[in-house]
Amino acid sequence: MYNILVVDDDKDMQGNIVEILEGADFTVDTADNGEEAVRLAAETMFDLVLLDLIMPGMGGMEALPMIKRECPNTKVIMITAFSTIDNAVEAMRKGADDYITKPFKINELMMAVKKCLEEAKFMDCKAVLAMDDTFNSLANSIRREILILVNRGGKLKFMDICRKLGIEDHTKVNFHLRVLKESNLIKQDERKYYLLSRSGKKAIDCLQVVKTSI
């Protein structure tokens, strides 16, 4: 579940954005100004911040670098009623990932939100897959296939894995399973069923992200 912060002093606009995002099953917090947004960013890890450019007190352009300093991996979309090339360039220079102009359509908002979140997920997966143990484990096609099989089956016995792989050399399968266990991508329960670990589930998700982005 993605966590999004909506920062806008216009209560009607803020409420409309919140309604749209919650209708798409996002978790949404709100702030009325830049100061409050910076404080919330220091307390909560947000996946995305929708940040109004012009607000009383601290505006979006001033709050932007502070938010990025608190949460460098958080995506930020600037919202402005005065779209100019200079504003866009300055916002991007200070760390914004995108910007939309008021008034905007629902599909325009959702397209920008989904694009930023997909980019964030891709970068997170890039970091996960670049880890030595994970990379070495997934570099082998048999091990990737084992992960996919276990993911589909939920949990599998050793002989089920051998049968589904079509590999008669059980020693080879056992070797690959050991590598995956040592990399903390799979584990065994008390009945000796193989299942994905939390890291294994994330690796599977990341493989799907990379596959669809190529």
Protein backbone atom coordinates (compact mmCIF):
# COMPACT_ATOMS: atom_id res chain seq x y z
CA MET A 1 0.00 0.00 0.00
CA TYR A 2 1.49 3.32 -1.08
CA ASN A 3 1.47 6.26 1.32
CA ILE A 4 0.92 9.70 -0.25
CA LEU A 5 1.07 13.19 1.26
CA VAL A 6 -1.13 15.90 -0.29
CA VAL A 7 0.05 19.45 0.49
CA ASP A 8 -2.36 22.25 -0.49
CA ASP A 9 -3.85 25.21 1.39
CA ASP A 10 -6.98 25.08 -0.80
CA LYS A 11 -9.23 22.78 1.23
CA ASP A 12 -11.54 22.05 -1.70
CA MET A 13 -8.65 21.09 -3.95
CA GLN A 14 -7.03 19.09 -1.16
CA GLY A 15 -10.27 17.24 -0.47
CA ASN A 16 -10.82 16.44 -4.16
CA ILE A 17 -7.32 15.01 -4.54
CA VAL A 18 -7.68 12.96 -1.37
CA GLU A 19 -11.00 11.54 -2.59
CA ILE A 20 -9.48 10.55 -5.93
CA LEU A 21 -6.43 8.89 -4.37
CA GLU A 22 -8.35 7.07 -1.64
CA GLY A 23 -10.74 5.84 -4.33
CA ALA A 24 -7.70 4.25 -5.96
CA ASP A 25 -6.81 2.51 -2.66
CA PHE A 26 -3.89 4.76 -1.68
CA THR A 27 -3.25 5.76 1.93
CA VAL A 28 -3.36 9.56 2.09
CA ASP A 29 -2.21 12.17 4.63
CA THR A 30 -2.61 15.92 4.23
CA ALA A 31 -0.82 19.15 5.08
CA ASP A 32 -1.99 22.75 4.64
CA ASN A 33 1.42 24.37 4.15
CA GLY A 34 5.10 23.76 3.55
CA GLU A 35 6.10 23.83 7.20
CA GLU A 36 3.63 21.10 8.08
CA ALA A 37 4.70 19.05 5.06
CA VAL A 38 8.37 19.15 6.10
CA ARG A 39 7.46 18.13 9.64
CA LEU A 40 5.34 15.19 8.44
CA ALA A 41 8.06 14.10 6.00
CA ALA A 42 10.48 13.91 8.94
CA GLU A 43 8.04 11.70 10.88
CA THR A 44 6.61 9.44 8.16
CA MET A 45 8.09 7.68 5.14
CA PHE A 46 5.97 8.79 2.17
CA ASP A 47 6.20 7.17 -1.23
CA LEU A 48 4.95 10.31 -2.95
CA VAL A 49 4.25 13.95 -2.10
CA LEU A 50 1.84 16.10 -4.12
CA LEU A 51 3.09 19.60 -3.35
CA ASP A 52 1.30 22.85 -4.20
CA LEU A 53 3.63 25.58 -5.48
CA ILE A 54 1.96 28.67 -3.98
CA MET A 55 0.86 28.56 -0.30
CA PRO A 56 0.82 31.07 2.58
CA GLY A 57 4.02 30.96 4.62
CA MET A 58 6.39 28.36 3.22
CA GLY A 59 5.52 27.61 -0.39
CA GLY A 60 6.15 24.43 -2.31
CA MET A 61 9.38 25.56 -3.95
CA GLU A 62 10.91 26.33 -0.55
CA ALA A 63 9.60 23.15 1.07
CA LEU A 64 10.71 20.88 -1.80
CA PRO A 65 14.46 20.63 -1.00
CA MET A 66 13.69 20.22 2.70
CA ILE A 67 11.34 17.32 1.99
CA LYS A 68 13.90 15.69 -0.32
CA ARG A 69 16.55 16.11 2.37
CA GLU A 70 14.32 14.31 4.89
CA CYS A 71 13.17 11.65 2.40
CA PRO A 72 15.58 11.47 -0.56
CA ASN A 73 13.79 8.48 -2.11
CA THR A 74 10.33 10.06 -1.92
CA LYS A 75 8.87 11.12 -5.25
CA VAL A 76 7.48 14.67 -5.49
CA ILE A 77 4.93 16.05 -7.96
CA MET A 78 4.57 19.83 -7.97
CA ILE A 79 1.07 21.24 -8.42
CA THR A 80 0.84 24.73 -9.85
CA ALA A 81 -1.71 27.10 -11.33
CA PHE A 82 1.10 29.03 -13.02
CA SER A 83 2.96 26.66 -15.26
CA THR A 84 6.08 28.20 -16.79
CA ILE A 85 9.28 26.72 -18.13
CA ASP A 86 11.24 28.59 -15.45
CA ASN A 87 9.08 27.15 -12.65
CA ALA A 88 9.36 23.63 -14.09
CA VAL A 89 13.15 23.87 -14.48
CA GLU A 90 13.60 25.23 -10.95
CA ALA A 91 11.31 22.56 -9.46
CA MET A 92 13.19 19.76 -11.26
CA ARG A 93 16.52 21.24 -10.20
CA LYS A 94 15.39 21.18 -6.58
CA GLY A 95 14.30 17.55 -6.78
CA ALA A 96 10.75 17.42 -8.20
CA ASP A 97 10.01 14.36 -10.33
CA ASP A 98 7.05 15.79 -12.24
CA TYR A 99 4.53 18.63 -12.18
CA ILE A 100 0.90 19.09 -13.13
CA THR A 101 -1.04 22.29 -13.75
CA LYS A 102 -4.36 23.31 -12.20
CA PRO A 103 -7.05 22.68 -13.23
CA PHE A 104 -6.20 19.08 -14.09
CA LYS A 105 -8.29 16.08 -15.07
CA ILE A 106 -8.52 12.98 -12.90
CA ASN A 107 -6.76 10.80 -15.46
CA GLU A 108 -3.94 13.37 -15.75
CA LEU A 109 -3.41 13.27 -11.98
CA MET A 110 -3.54 9.48 -11.82
CA MET A 111 -1.16 9.10 -14.77
CA ALA A 112 1.44 11.32 -13.06
CA VAL A 113 1.00 9.51 -9.73
CA LYS A 114 1.30 6.03 -11.22
CA LYS A 115 4.32 7.00 -13.32
CA CYS A 116 6.21 8.33 -10.31
CA LEU A 117 5.35 5.32 -8.17
CA GLU A 118 6.41 2.91 -10.91
CA GLU A 119 9.74 4.76 -11.23
CA ALA A 120 10.22 4.54 -7.45
CA LYS A 121 9.49 0.81 -7.46
CA PHE A 122 11.89 0.25 -10.35
CA MET A 123 14.72 2.08 -8.54
CA ASP A 124 14.02 0.13 -5.36
CA CYS A 125 14.13 -3.11 -7.30
CA LYS A 126 17.33 -2.07 -9.03
CA ALA A 127 18.95 -1.73 -5.60
CA VAL A 128 17.54 -5.09 -4.43
CA LEU A 129 18.62 -7.01 -7.51
CA ALA A 130 22.09 -5.43 -7.44
CA MET A 131 22.88 -6.98 -4.04
CA ASP A 132 25.64 -9.56 -4.52
CA ASP A 133 23.85 -12.57 -3.00
CA THR A 134 20.57 -11.84 -4.79
CA PHE A 135 22.23 -11.05 -8.12
CA ASN A 136 24.35 -14.22 -8.05
CA SER A 137 21.34 -16.34 -7.15
CA LEU A 138 19.10 -14.90 -9.86
CA ALA A 139 21.81 -14.97 -12.53
CA ASN A 140 21.12 -18.70 -12.92
CA SER A 141 18.03 -19.61 -15.00
CA ILE A 142 17.25 -22.76 -12.98
CA ARG A 143 17.20 -20.81 -9.74
CA ARG A 144 14.93 -18.18 -11.29
CA GLU A 145 12.62 -20.96 -12.45
CA ILE A 146 12.58 -22.49 -8.96
CA LEU A 147 11.54 -19.14 -7.47
CA ILE A 148 8.77 -18.78 -10.01
CA LEU A 149 7.53 -22.35 -9.37
CA VAL A 150 7.49 -21.89 -5.60
CA ASN A 151 5.77 -18.54 -5.99
CA ARG A 152 3.03 -20.09 -8.12
CA GLY A 153 2.62 -23.14 -5.91
CA GLY A 154 2.77 -21.30 -2.59
CA LYS A 155 4.83 -24.14 -1.13
CA LEU A 156 6.35 -27.22 -2.76
CA LYS A 157 8.07 -30.45 -1.73
CA PHE A 158 11.54 -31.25 -3.06
CA MET A 159 10.30 -33.97 -5.43
CA ASP A 160 7.54 -31.68 -6.74
CA ILE A 161 10.19 -29.12 -7.67
CA CYS A 162 12.32 -31.76 -9.43
CA ARG A 163 9.30 -33.03 -11.34
CA LYS A 164 8.13 -29.57 -12.42
CA LEU A 165 11.66 -28.63 -13.51
CA GLY A 166 12.00 -31.88 -15.45
CA ILE A 167 15.46 -32.46 -13.97
CA GLU A 168 16.32 -36.06 -13.09
CA ASP A 169 19.62 -35.16 -11.41
CA HIS A 170 18.28 -34.44 -7.90
CA THR A 171 21.74 -33.49 -6.68
CA LYS A 172 21.73 -30.54 -9.09
CA VAL A 173 18.32 -29.37 -7.88
CA ASN A 174 19.41 -29.72 -4.28
CA PHE A 175 22.47 -27.56 -5.03
CA HIS A 176 20.36 -24.75 -6.49
CA LEU A 177 17.92 -24.93 -3.58
CA ARG A 178 20.82 -24.62 -1.15
CA VAL A 179 22.09 -21.50 -2.96
CA LEU A 180 18.61 -19.95 -2.78
CA LYS A 181 18.35 -20.78 0.92
CA GLU A 182 21.78 -19.32 1.67
CA SER A 183 20.72 -16.16 -0.18
CA ASN A 184 17.60 -16.03 2.01
CA LEU A 185 15.28 -16.17 -1.00
CA ILE A 186 13.53 -19.41 0.01
CA LYS A 187 13.01 -21.25 3.27
CA GLN A 188 11.55 -24.53 4.53
CA ASP A 189 8.73 -24.97 6.99
CA GLU A 190 8.47 -27.67 9.65
CA ARG A 191 7.07 -30.14 7.08
CA LYS A 192 10.06 -29.52 4.75
CA TYR A 193 7.99 -27.64 2.19
CA TYR A 194 9.89 -24.97 0.29
CA LEU A 195 8.35 -21.50 0.23
CA LEU A 196 9.45 -17.98 -0.55
CA SER A 197 10.96 -15.84 2.17
CA ARG A 198 10.07 -12.16 2.41
CA SER A 199 13.20 -11.38 0.37
CA GLY A 200 12.20 -14.00 -2.17
CA LYS A 201 8.76 -12.43 -2.62
CA LYS A 202 10.36 -9.05 -3.17
CA ALA A 203 12.79 -10.55 -5.67
CA ILE A 204 9.90 -12.08 -7.62
CA ASP A 205 8.08 -8.72 -7.66
CA CYS A 206 11.26 -7.05 -8.85
CA LEU A 207 11.78 -9.57 -11.64
CA GLN A 208 8.28 -8.75 -12.87
CA VAL A 209 8.99 -5.01 -12.70
CA VAL A 210 12.21 -5.39 -14.68
CA LYS A 211 10.54 -7.69 -17.22
CA THR A 212 7.66 -5.27 -17.91
CA SER A 213 9.98 -2.27 -18.14
CA ILE A 214 12.28 -3.74 -20.81
